[in-house]
Amino acid sequence: MTIEMLLLAGALIGFIIGLALRNSKFGCAALWIVPLAMIAYVYACQSAHPESLTSTSGLEFLFVPLWASLGAMGGYVIGTSLRYFLLAKRDGS
């Protein structure tokens, strides 16, 4: 996956979490799904193709979750803001 795809995937997941969860404590805790899922993804990809491992393949465990997590945090902020503005507009305030 490219950096752009990781950012977009993370942003989509963060946006969904931001819209779905009302409590910010649960929302921030739910964002831990993103780096853990990305670590599992890297492990699965590297296990499926051991012939293509290089000396820098271990860095994927650091940078793949990093970009996805950055995207998830941005998506979470946008989703939470959108939910807040929609609820405020619905309440008439």
PDB file of N, CA and C in Angstrom:
ATOM      1  N   MET A   1       0.833  -1.181   0.000  1.00  0.00           N
ATOM      2  CA  MET A   1       0.000   0.000   0.000  1.00  0.00           C
ATOM      3  C   MET A   1       0.881   1.249   0.000  1.00  0.00           C
ATOM      4  N   THR A   2       0.407   2.257  -0.668  1.00  0.00           N
ATOM      5  CA  THR A   2       1.143   3.513  -0.688  1.00  0.00           C
ATOM      6  C   THR A   2       0.764   4.351   0.534  1.00  0.00           C
ATOM      7  N   ILE A   3       1.529   5.393   0.749  1.00  0.00           N
ATOM      8  CA  ILE A   3       1.250   6.280   1.877  1.00  0.00           C
ATOM      9  C   ILE A   3      -0.128   6.917   1.728  1.00  0.00           C
ATOM     10  N   GLU A   4      -0.487   7.290   0.502  1.00  0.00           N
ATOM     11  CA  GLU A   4      -1.792   7.905   0.270  1.00  0.00           C
ATOM     12  C   GLU A   4      -2.928   6.947   0.600  1.00  0.00           C
ATOM     13  N   MET A   5      -2.789   5.682   0.217  1.00  0.00           N
ATOM     14  CA  MET A   5      -3.826   4.692   0.515  1.00  0.00           C
ATOM     15  C   MET A   5      -3.935   4.447   2.014  1.00  0.00           C
ATOM     16  N   LEU A   6      -2.804   4.434   2.707  1.00  0.00           N
ATOM     17  CA  LEU A   6      -2.823   4.250   4.159  1.00  0.00           C
ATOM     18  C   LEU A   6      -3.504   5.431   4.847  1.00  0.00           C
ATOM     19  N   LEU A   7      -3.201   6.643   4.389  1.00  0.00           N
ATOM     20  CA  LEU A   7      -3.849   7.825   4.958  1.00  0.00           C
ATOM     21  C   LEU A   7      -5.354   7.806   4.708  1.00  0.00           C
ATOM     22  N   LEU A   8      -5.757   7.445   3.494  1.00  0.00           N
ATOM     23  CA  LEU A   8      -7.181   7.402   3.170  1.00  0.00           C
ATOM     24  C   LEU A   8      -7.916   6.309   3.935  1.00  0.00           C
ATOM     25  N   ALA A   9      -7.322   5.139   4.030  1.00  0.00           N
ATOM     26  CA  ALA A   9      -7.961   4.051   4.776  1.00  0.00           C
ATOM     27  C   ALA A   9      -8.100   4.417   6.247  1.00  0.00           C
ATOM     28  N   GLY A  10      -7.045   4.986   6.818  1.00  0.00           N
ATOM     29  CA  GLY A  10      -7.109   5.418   8.208  1.00  0.00           C
ATOM     30  C   GLY A  10      -8.123   6.531   8.413  1.00  0.00           C
ATOM     31  N   ALA A  11      -8.179   7.471   7.470  1.00  0.00           N
ATOM     32  CA  ALA A  11      -9.133   8.575   7.589  1.00  0.00           C
ATOM     33  C   ALA A  11     -10.568   8.072   7.513  1.00  0.00           C
ATOM     34  N   LEU A  12     -10.823   7.102   6.665  1.00  0.00           N
ATOM     35  CA  LEU A  12     -12.175   6.552   6.556  1.00  0.00           C
ATOM     36  C   LEU A  12     -12.585   5.859   7.856  1.00  0.00           C
ATOM     37  N   ILE A  13     -11.693   5.077   8.420  1.00  0.00           N
ATOM     38  CA  ILE A  13     -11.996   4.393   9.682  1.00  0.00           C
ATOM     39  C   ILE A  13     -12.171   5.409  10.809  1.00  0.00           C
ATOM     40  N   GLY A  14     -11.298   6.405  10.868  1.00  0.00           N
ATOM     41  CA  GLY A  14     -11.420   7.441  11.886  1.00  0.00           C
ATOM     42  C   GLY A  14     -12.699   8.244  11.740  1.00  0.00           C
ATOM     43  N   PHE A  15     -13.100   8.527  10.510  1.00  0.00           N
ATOM     44  CA  PHE A  15     -14.336   9.259  10.252  1.00  0.00           C
ATOM     45  C   PHE A  15     -15.548   8.468  10.741  1.00  0.00           C
ATOM     46  N   ILE A  16     -15.555   7.173  10.461  1.00  0.00           N
ATOM     47  CA  ILE A  16     -16.662   6.315  10.909  1.00  0.00           C
ATOM     48  C   ILE A  16     -16.706   6.254  12.430  1.00  0.00           C
ATOM     49  N   ILE A  17     -15.557   6.122  13.061  1.00  0.00           N
ATOM     50  CA  ILE A  17     -15.511   6.095  14.525  1.00  0.00           C
ATOM     51  C   ILE A  17     -15.974   7.434  15.092  1.00  0.00           C
ATOM     52  N   GLY A  18     -15.548   8.531  14.477  1.00  0.00           N
ATOM     53  CA  GLY A  18     -15.957   9.858  14.942  1.00  0.00           C
ATOM     54  C   GLY A  18     -17.452  10.090  14.833  1.00  0.00           C
ATOM     55  N   LEU A  19     -18.064   9.546  13.795  1.00  0.00           N
ATOM     56  CA  LEU A  19     -19.507   9.692  13.636  1.00  0.00           C
ATOM     57  C   LEU A  19     -20.280   8.749  14.556  1.00  0.00           C
ATOM     58  N   ALA A  20     -19.748   7.569  14.775  1.00  0.00           N
ATOM     59  CA  ALA A  20     -20.506   6.533  15.473  1.00  0.00           C
ATOM     60  C   ALA A  20     -20.462   6.659  16.989  1.00  0.00           C
ATOM     61  N   LEU A  21     -19.336   7.028  17.548  1.00  0.00           N
ATOM     62  CA  LEU A  21     -19.189   7.015  19.002  1.00  0.00           C
ATOM     63  C   LEU A  21     -19.383   8.412  19.582  1.00  0.00           C
ATOM     64  N   ARG A  22     -20.258   8.519  20.554  1.00  0.00           N
ATOM     65  CA  ARG A  22     -20.553   9.828  21.152  1.00  0.00           C
ATOM     66  C   ARG A  22     -19.552  10.226  22.213  1.00  0.00           C
ATOM     67  N   ASN A  23     -19.019   9.277  22.932  1.00  0.00           N
ATOM     68  CA  ASN A  23     -18.098   9.567  24.021  1.00  0.00           C
ATOM     69  C   ASN A  23     -16.670   9.643  23.467  1.00  0.00           C
ATOM     70  N   SER A  24     -15.977  10.743  23.725  1.00  0.00           N
ATOM     71  CA  SER A  24     -14.628  10.907  23.171  1.00  0.00           C
ATOM     72  C   SER A  24     -13.637   9.916  23.768  1.00  0.00           C
ATOM     73  N   LYS A  25     -13.875   9.470  25.010  1.00  0.00           N
ATOM     74  CA  LYS A  25     -12.969   8.479  25.601  1.00  0.00           C
ATOM     75  C   LYS A  25     -13.056   7.161  24.845  1.00  0.00           C
ATOM     76  N   PHE A  26     -14.266   6.734  24.507  1.00  0.00           N
ATOM     77  CA  PHE A  26     -14.426   5.500  23.739  1.00  0.00           C
ATOM     78  C   PHE A  26     -13.924   5.676  22.314  1.00  0.00           C
ATOM     79  N   GLY A  27     -14.107   6.870  21.765  1.00  0.00           N
ATOM     80  CA  GLY A  27     -13.633   7.128  20.417  1.00  0.00           C
ATOM     81  C   GLY A  27     -12.119   7.060  20.309  1.00  0.00           C
ATOM     82  N   CYS A  28     -11.444   7.658  21.280  1.00  0.00           N
ATOM     83  CA  CYS A  28      -9.981   7.613  21.270  1.00  0.00           C
ATOM     84  C   CYS A  28      -9.470   6.198  21.508  1.00  0.00           C
ATOM     85  N   ALA A  29     -10.170   5.462  22.362  1.00  0.00           N
ATOM     86  CA  ALA A  29      -9.778   4.067  22.599  1.00  0.00           C
ATOM     87  C   ALA A  29     -10.030   3.221  21.350  1.00  0.00           C
ATOM     88  N   ALA A  30     -11.112   3.520  20.639  1.00  0.00           N
ATOM     89  CA  ALA A  30     -11.427   2.761  19.426  1.00  0.00           C
ATOM     90  C   ALA A  30     -10.418   3.030  18.318  1.00  0.00           C
ATOM     91  N   LEU A  31      -9.753   4.166  18.359  1.00  0.00           N
ATOM     92  CA  LEU A  31      -8.734   4.459  17.346  1.00  0.00           C
ATOM     93  C   LEU A  31      -7.527   3.529  17.449  1.00  0.00           C
ATOM     94  N   TRP A  32      -7.385   2.828  18.563  1.00  0.00           N
ATOM     95  CA  TRP A  32      -6.304   1.850  18.693  1.00  0.00           C
ATOM     96  C   TRP A  32      -6.493   0.668  17.750  1.00  0.00           C
ATOM     97  N   ILE A  33      -7.688   0.529  17.195  1.00  0.00           N
ATOM     98  CA  ILE A  33      -7.936  -0.536  16.222  1.00  0.00           C
ATOM     99  C   ILE A  33      -7.040  -0.355  14.999  1.00  0.00           C
ATOM    100  N   VAL A  34      -6.830   0.882  14.594  1.00  0.00           N
ATOM    101  CA  VAL A  34      -6.102   1.171  13.353  1.00  0.00           C
ATOM    102  C   VAL A  34      -4.655   0.684  13.401  1.00  0.00           C
ATOM    103  N   PRO A  35      -3.821   1.092  14.368  1.00  0.00           N
ATOM    104  CA  PRO A  35      -2.440   0.596  14.332  1.00  0.00           C
ATOM    105  C   PRO A  35      -2.344  -0.906  14.578  1.00  0.00           C
ATOM    106  N   LEU A  36      -3.223  -1.439  15.418  1.00  0.00           N
ATOM    107  CA  LEU A  36      -3.181  -2.884  15.655  1.00  0.00           C
ATOM    108  C   LEU A  36      -3.559  -3.658  14.396  1.00  0.00           C
ATOM    109  N   ALA A  37      -4.556  -3.168  13.664  1.00  0.00           N
ATOM    110  CA  ALA A  37      -4.940  -3.821  12.409  1.00  0.00           C
ATOM    111  C   ALA A  37      -3.832  -3.699  11.366  1.00  0.00           C
ATOM    112  N   MET A  38      -3.140  -2.578  11.339  1.00  0.00           N
ATOM    113  CA  MET A  38      -2.062  -2.396  10.367  1.00  0.00           C
ATOM    114  C   MET A  38      -0.853  -3.291  10.690  1.00  0.00           C
ATOM    115  N   ILE A  39      -0.582  -3.483  11.968  1.00  0.00           N
ATOM    116  CA  ILE A  39       0.496  -4.403  12.343  1.00  0.00           C
ATOM    117  C   ILE A  39       0.135  -5.819  11.920  1.00  0.00           C
ATOM    118  N   ALA A  40      -1.125  -6.219  12.116  1.00  0.00           N
ATOM    119  CA  ALA A  40      -1.575  -7.538  11.667  1.00  0.00           C
ATOM    120  C   ALA A  40      -1.512  -7.648  10.146  1.00  0.00           C
ATOM    121  N   TYR A  41      -1.842  -6.569   9.448  1.00  0.00           N
ATOM    122  CA  TYR A  41      -1.777  -6.560   7.981  1.00  0.00           C
ATOM    123  C   TYR A  41      -0.338  -6.746   7.495  1.00  0.00           C
ATOM    124  N   VAL A  42       0.594  -6.019   8.089  1.00  0.00           N
ATOM    125  CA  VAL A  42       2.001  -6.151   7.695  1.00  0.00           C
ATOM    126  C   VAL A  42       2.495  -7.562   7.974  1.00  0.00           C
ATOM    127  N   TYR A  43       2.140  -8.098   9.133  1.00  0.00           N
ATOM    128  CA  TYR A  43       2.552  -9.459   9.481  1.00  0.00           C
ATOM    129  C   TYR A  43       2.003 -10.465   8.470  1.00  0.00           C
ATOM    130  N   ALA A  44       0.730 -10.319   8.104  1.00  0.00           N
ATOM    131  CA  ALA A  44       0.120 -11.246   7.153  1.00  0.00           C
ATOM    132  C   ALA A  44       0.775 -11.140   5.780  1.00  0.00           C
ATOM    133  N   CYS A  45       1.048  -9.929   5.336  1.00  0.00           N
ATOM    134  CA  CYS A  45       1.690  -9.748   4.026  1.00  0.00           C
ATOM    135  C   CYS A  45       3.107 -10.304   4.008  1.00  0.00           C
ATOM    136  N   GLN A  46       3.843 -10.059   5.070  1.00  0.00           N
ATOM    137  CA  GLN A  46       5.218 -10.557   5.110  1.00  0.00           C
ATOM    138  C   GLN A  46       5.254 -12.072   5.281  1.00  0.00           C
ATOM    139  N   SER A  47       4.289 -12.628   5.982  1.00  0.00           N
ATOM    140  CA  SER A  47       4.241 -14.083   6.136  1.00  0.00           C
ATOM    141  C   SER A  47       3.820 -14.767   4.839  1.00  0.00           C
ATOM    142  N   ALA A  48       2.971 -14.105   4.064  1.00  0.00           N
ATOM    143  CA  ALA A  48       2.513 -14.684   2.804  1.00  0.00           C
ATOM    144  C   ALA A  48       3.596 -14.661   1.730  1.00  0.00           C
ATOM    145  N   HIS A  49       4.509 -13.714   1.802  1.00  0.00           N
ATOM    146  CA  HIS A  49       5.554 -13.573   0.788  1.00  0.00           C
ATOM    147  C   HIS A  49       6.930 -13.479   1.437  1.00  0.00           C
ATOM    148  N   PRO A  50       7.412 -14.543   2.063  1.00  0.00           N
ATOM    149  CA  PRO A  50       8.724 -14.457   2.734  1.00  0.00           C
ATOM    150  C   PRO A  50       9.890 -14.307   1.752  1.00  0.00           C
ATOM    151  N   GLU A  51       9.666 -14.654   0.490  1.00  0.00           N
ATOM    152  CA  GLU A  51      10.749 -14.538  -0.491  1.00  0.00           C
ATOM    153  C   GLU A  51      11.036 -13.081  -0.857  1.00  0.00           C
ATOM    154  N   SER A  52      10.117 -12.179  -0.579  1.00  0.00           N
ATOM    155  CA  SER A  52      10.325 -10.781  -0.946  1.00  0.00           C
ATOM    156  C   SER A  52      10.770  -9.922   0.237  1.00  0.00           C
ATOM    157  N   LEU A  53      11.131 -10.526   1.344  1.00  0.00           N
ATOM    158  CA  LEU A  53      11.603  -9.750   2.498  1.00  0.00           C
ATOM    159  C   LEU A  53      12.998  -9.200   2.223  1.00  0.00           C
ATOM    160  N   THR A  54      13.223  -7.977   2.673  1.00  0.00           N
ATOM    161  CA  THR A  54      14.527  -7.344   2.529  1.00  0.00           C
ATOM    162  C   THR A  54      15.025  -6.929   3.906  1.00  0.00           C
ATOM    163  N   SER A  55      16.168  -6.304   3.935  1.00  0.00           N
ATOM    164  CA  SER A  55      16.734  -5.878   5.218  1.00  0.00           C
ATOM    165  C   SER A  55      15.937  -4.752   5.859  1.00  0.00           C
ATOM    166  N   THR A  56      15.154  -4.042   5.073  1.00  0.00           N
ATOM    167  CA  THR A  56      14.359  -2.937   5.614  1.00  0.00           C
ATOM    168  C   THR A  56      12.887  -3.303   5.801  1.00  0.00           C
ATOM    169  N   SER A  57      12.527  -4.549   5.655  1.00  0.00           N
ATOM    170  CA  SER A  57      11.128  -4.956   5.803  1.00  0.00           C
ATOM    171  C   SER A  57      10.614  -4.745   7.218  1.00  0.00           C
ATOM    172  N   GLY A  58      11.489  -4.787   8.189  1.00  0.00           N
ATOM    173  CA  GLY A  58      11.071  -4.560   9.567  1.00  0.00           C
ATOM    174  C   GLY A  58      10.563  -3.150   9.805  1.00  0.00           C
ATOM    175  N   LEU A  59      11.003  -2.207   8.972  1.00  0.00           N
ATOM    176  CA  LEU A  59      10.535  -0.829   9.116  1.00  0.00           C
ATOM    177  C   LEU A  59       9.058  -0.679   8.767  1.00  0.00           C
ATOM    178  N   GLU A  60       8.509  -1.647   8.046  1.00  0.00           N
ATOM    179  CA  GLU A  60       7.079  -1.586   7.735  1.00  0.00           C
ATOM    180  C   GLU A  60       6.237  -1.665   9.000  1.00  0.00           C
ATOM    181  N   PHE A  61       6.725  -2.369  10.009  1.00  0.00           N
ATOM    182  CA  PHE A  61       5.982  -2.455  11.266  1.00  0.00           C
ATOM    183  C   PHE A  61       5.918  -1.108  11.981  1.00  0.00           C
ATOM    184  N   LEU A  62       6.802  -0.188  11.652  1.00  0.00           N
ATOM    185  CA  LEU A  62       6.796   1.147  12.237  1.00  0.00           C
ATOM    186  C   LEU A  62       6.012   2.138  11.383  1.00  0.00           C
ATOM    187  N   PHE A  63       6.281   2.155  10.074  1.00  0.00           N
ATOM    188  CA  PHE A  63       5.736   3.218   9.234  1.00  0.00           C
ATOM    189  C   PHE A  63       4.340   2.947   8.702  1.00  0.00           C
ATOM    190  N   VAL A  64       3.953   1.711   8.469  1.00  0.00           N
ATOM    191  CA  VAL A  64       2.592   1.438   7.994  1.00  0.00           C
ATOM    192  C   VAL A  64       1.564   1.838   9.054  1.00  0.00           C
ATOM    193  N   PRO A  65       1.717   1.443  10.324  1.00  0.00           N
ATOM    194  CA  PRO A  65       0.753   1.916  11.325  1.00  0.00           C
ATOM    195  C   PRO A  65       0.813   3.427  11.556  1.00  0.00           C
ATOM    196  N   LEU A  66       1.977   4.036  11.363  1.00  0.00           N
ATOM    197  CA  LEU A  66       2.115   5.471  11.575  1.00  0.00           C
ATOM    198  C   LEU A  66       1.224   6.254  10.619  1.00  0.00           C
ATOM    199  N   TRP A  67       1.322   5.972   9.318  1.00  0.00           N
ATOM    200  CA  TRP A  67       0.543   6.732   8.342  1.00  0.00           C
ATOM    201  C   TRP A  67      -0.943   6.470   8.488  1.00  0.00           C
ATOM    202  N   ALA A  68      -1.304   5.231   8.743  1.00  0.00           N
ATOM    203  CA  ALA A  68      -2.730   4.923   8.922  1.00  0.00           C
ATOM    204  C   ALA A  68      -3.282   5.602  10.176  1.00  0.00           C
ATOM    205  N   SER A  69      -2.487   5.653  11.231  1.00  0.00           N
ATOM    206  CA  SER A  69      -2.939   6.296  12.470  1.00  0.00           C
ATOM    207  C   SER A  69      -3.083   7.804  12.303  1.00  0.00           C
ATOM    208  N   LEU A  70      -2.171   8.424  11.562  1.00  0.00           N
ATOM    209  CA  LEU A  70      -2.298   9.856  11.294  1.00  0.00           C
ATOM    210  C   LEU A  70      -3.571  10.156  10.509  1.00  0.00           C
ATOM    211  N   GLY A  71      -3.872   9.334   9.526  1.00  0.00           N
ATOM    212  CA  GLY A  71      -5.107   9.503   8.784  1.00  0.00           C
ATOM    213  C   GLY A  71      -6.329   9.288   9.652  1.00  0.00           C
ATOM    214  N   ALA A  72      -6.257   8.305  10.554  1.00  0.00           N
ATOM    215  CA  ALA A  72      -7.388   8.019  11.441  1.00  0.00           C
ATOM    216  C   ALA A  72      -7.645   9.170  12.403  1.00  0.00           C
ATOM    217  N   MET A  73      -6.590   9.784  12.895  1.00  0.00           N
ATOM    218  CA  MET A  73      -6.795  10.924  13.801  1.00  0.00           C
ATOM    219  C   MET A  73      -7.457  12.094  13.072  1.00  0.00           C
ATOM    220  N   GLY A  74      -7.027  12.369  11.861  1.00  0.00           N
ATOM    221  CA  GLY A  74      -7.657  13.432  11.083  1.00  0.00           C
ATOM    222  C   GLY A  74      -9.103  13.119  10.751  1.00  0.00           C
ATOM    223  N   GLY A  75      -9.373  11.887  10.349  1.00  0.00           N
ATOM    224  CA  GLY A  75     -10.741  11.479  10.057  1.00  0.00           C
ATOM    225  C   GLY A  75     -11.628  11.517  11.289  1.00  0.00           C
ATOM    226  N   TYR A  76     -11.061  11.180  12.435  1.00  0.00           N
ATOM    227  CA  TYR A  76     -11.825  11.218  13.683  1.00  0.00           C
ATOM    228  C   TYR A  76     -12.226  12.650  14.033  1.00  0.00           C
ATOM    229  N   VAL A  77     -11.307  13.574  13.867  1.00  0.00           N
ATOM    230  CA  VAL A  77     -11.606  14.987  14.152  1.00  0.00           C
ATOM    231  C   VAL A  77     -12.700  15.497  13.207  1.00  0.00           C
ATOM    232  N   ILE A  78     -12.612  15.151  11.942  1.00  0.00           N
ATOM    233  CA  ILE A  78     -13.629  15.589  10.976  1.00  0.00           C
ATOM    234  C   ILE A  78     -14.976  14.938  11.293  1.00  0.00           C
ATOM    235  N   GLY A  79     -14.989  13.649  11.591  1.00  0.00           N
ATOM    236  CA  GLY A  79     -16.233  12.964  11.921  1.00  0.00           C
ATOM    237  C   GLY A  79     -16.876  13.491  13.190  1.00  0.00           C
ATOM    238  N   THR A  80     -16.072  13.740  14.208  1.00  0.00           N
ATOM    239  CA  THR A  80     -16.595  14.282  15.459  1.00  0.00           C
ATOM    240  C   THR A  80     -17.132  15.693  15.250  1.00  0.00           C
ATOM    241  N   SER A  81     -16.417  16.506  14.494  1.00  0.00           N
ATOM    242  CA  SER A  81     -16.879  17.874  14.213  1.00  0.00           C
ATOM    243  C   SER A  81     -18.177  17.870  13.426  1.00  0.00           C
ATOM    244  N   LEU A  82     -18.264  17.002  12.440  1.00  0.00           N
ATOM    245  CA  LEU A  82     -19.482  16.911  11.645  1.00  0.00           C
ATOM    246  C   LEU A  82     -20.662  16.466  12.503  1.00  0.00           C
ATOM    247  N   ARG A  83     -20.436  15.474  13.356  1.00  0.00           N
ATOM    248  CA  ARG A  83     -21.506  15.019  14.245  1.00  0.00           C
ATOM    249  C   ARG A  83     -21.931  16.131  15.189  1.00  0.00           C
ATOM    250  N   TYR A  84     -20.982  16.882  15.716  1.00  0.00           N
ATOM    251  CA  TYR A  84     -21.293  17.988  16.628  1.00  0.00           C
ATOM    252  C   TYR A  84     -22.121  19.059  15.922  1.00  0.00           C
ATOM    253  N   PHE A  85     -21.711  19.456  14.705  1.00  0.00           N
ATOM    254  CA  PHE A  85     -22.433  20.502  13.987  1.00  0.00           C
ATOM    255  C   PHE A  85     -23.810  20.033  13.542  1.00  0.00           C
ATOM    256  N   LEU A  86     -23.956  18.776  13.179  1.00  0.00           N
ATOM    257  CA  LEU A  86     -25.269  18.262  12.803  1.00  0.00           C
ATOM    258  C   LEU A  86     -26.202  18.218  13.997  1.00  0.00           C
ATOM    259  N   LEU A  87     -25.675  17.801  15.161  1.00  0.00           N
ATOM    260  CA  LEU A  87     -26.517  17.773  16.367  1.00  0.00           C
ATOM    261  C   LEU A  87     -26.867  19.191  16.826  1.00  0.00           C
ATOM    262  N   ALA A  88     -25.938  20.124  16.718  1.00  0.00           N
ATOM    263  CA  ALA A  88     -26.204  21.502  17.119  1.00  0.00           C
ATOM    264  C   ALA A  88     -27.231  22.132  16.185  1.00  0.00           C
ATOM    265  N   LYS A  89     -27.162  21.833  14.904  1.00  0.00           N
ATOM    266  CA  LYS A  89     -28.111  22.388  13.957  1.00  0.00           C
ATOM    267  C   LYS A  89     -29.500  21.775  14.173  1.00  0.00           C
ATOM    268  N   ARG A  90     -29.543  20.487  14.515  1.00  0.00           N
ATOM    269  CA  ARG A  90     -30.815  19.823  14.747  1.00  0.00           C
ATOM    270  C   ARG A  90     -31.476  20.368  16.006  1.00  0.00           C
ATOM    271  N   ASP A  91     -30.680  20.692  17.036  1.00  0.00           N
ATOM    272  CA  ASP A  91     -31.216  21.229  18.272  1.00  0.00           C
ATOM    273  C   ASP A  91     -31.611  22.697  18.138  1.00  0.00           C
ATOM    274  N   GLY A  92     -31.193  23.334  17.071  1.00  0.00           N
ATOM    275  CA  GLY A  92     -31.556  24.730  16.826  1.00  0.00           C
ATOM    276  C   GLY A  92     -30.673  25.732  17.533  1.00  0.00           C
ATOM    277  N   SER A  93     -29.547  25.288  18.049  1.00  0.00           N
ATOM    278  CA  SER A  93     -28.666  26.241  18.746  1.00  0.00           C
ATOM    279  C   SER A  93     -27.539  26.697  17.861  1.00  0.00           C
TER     280      SER A  93
END
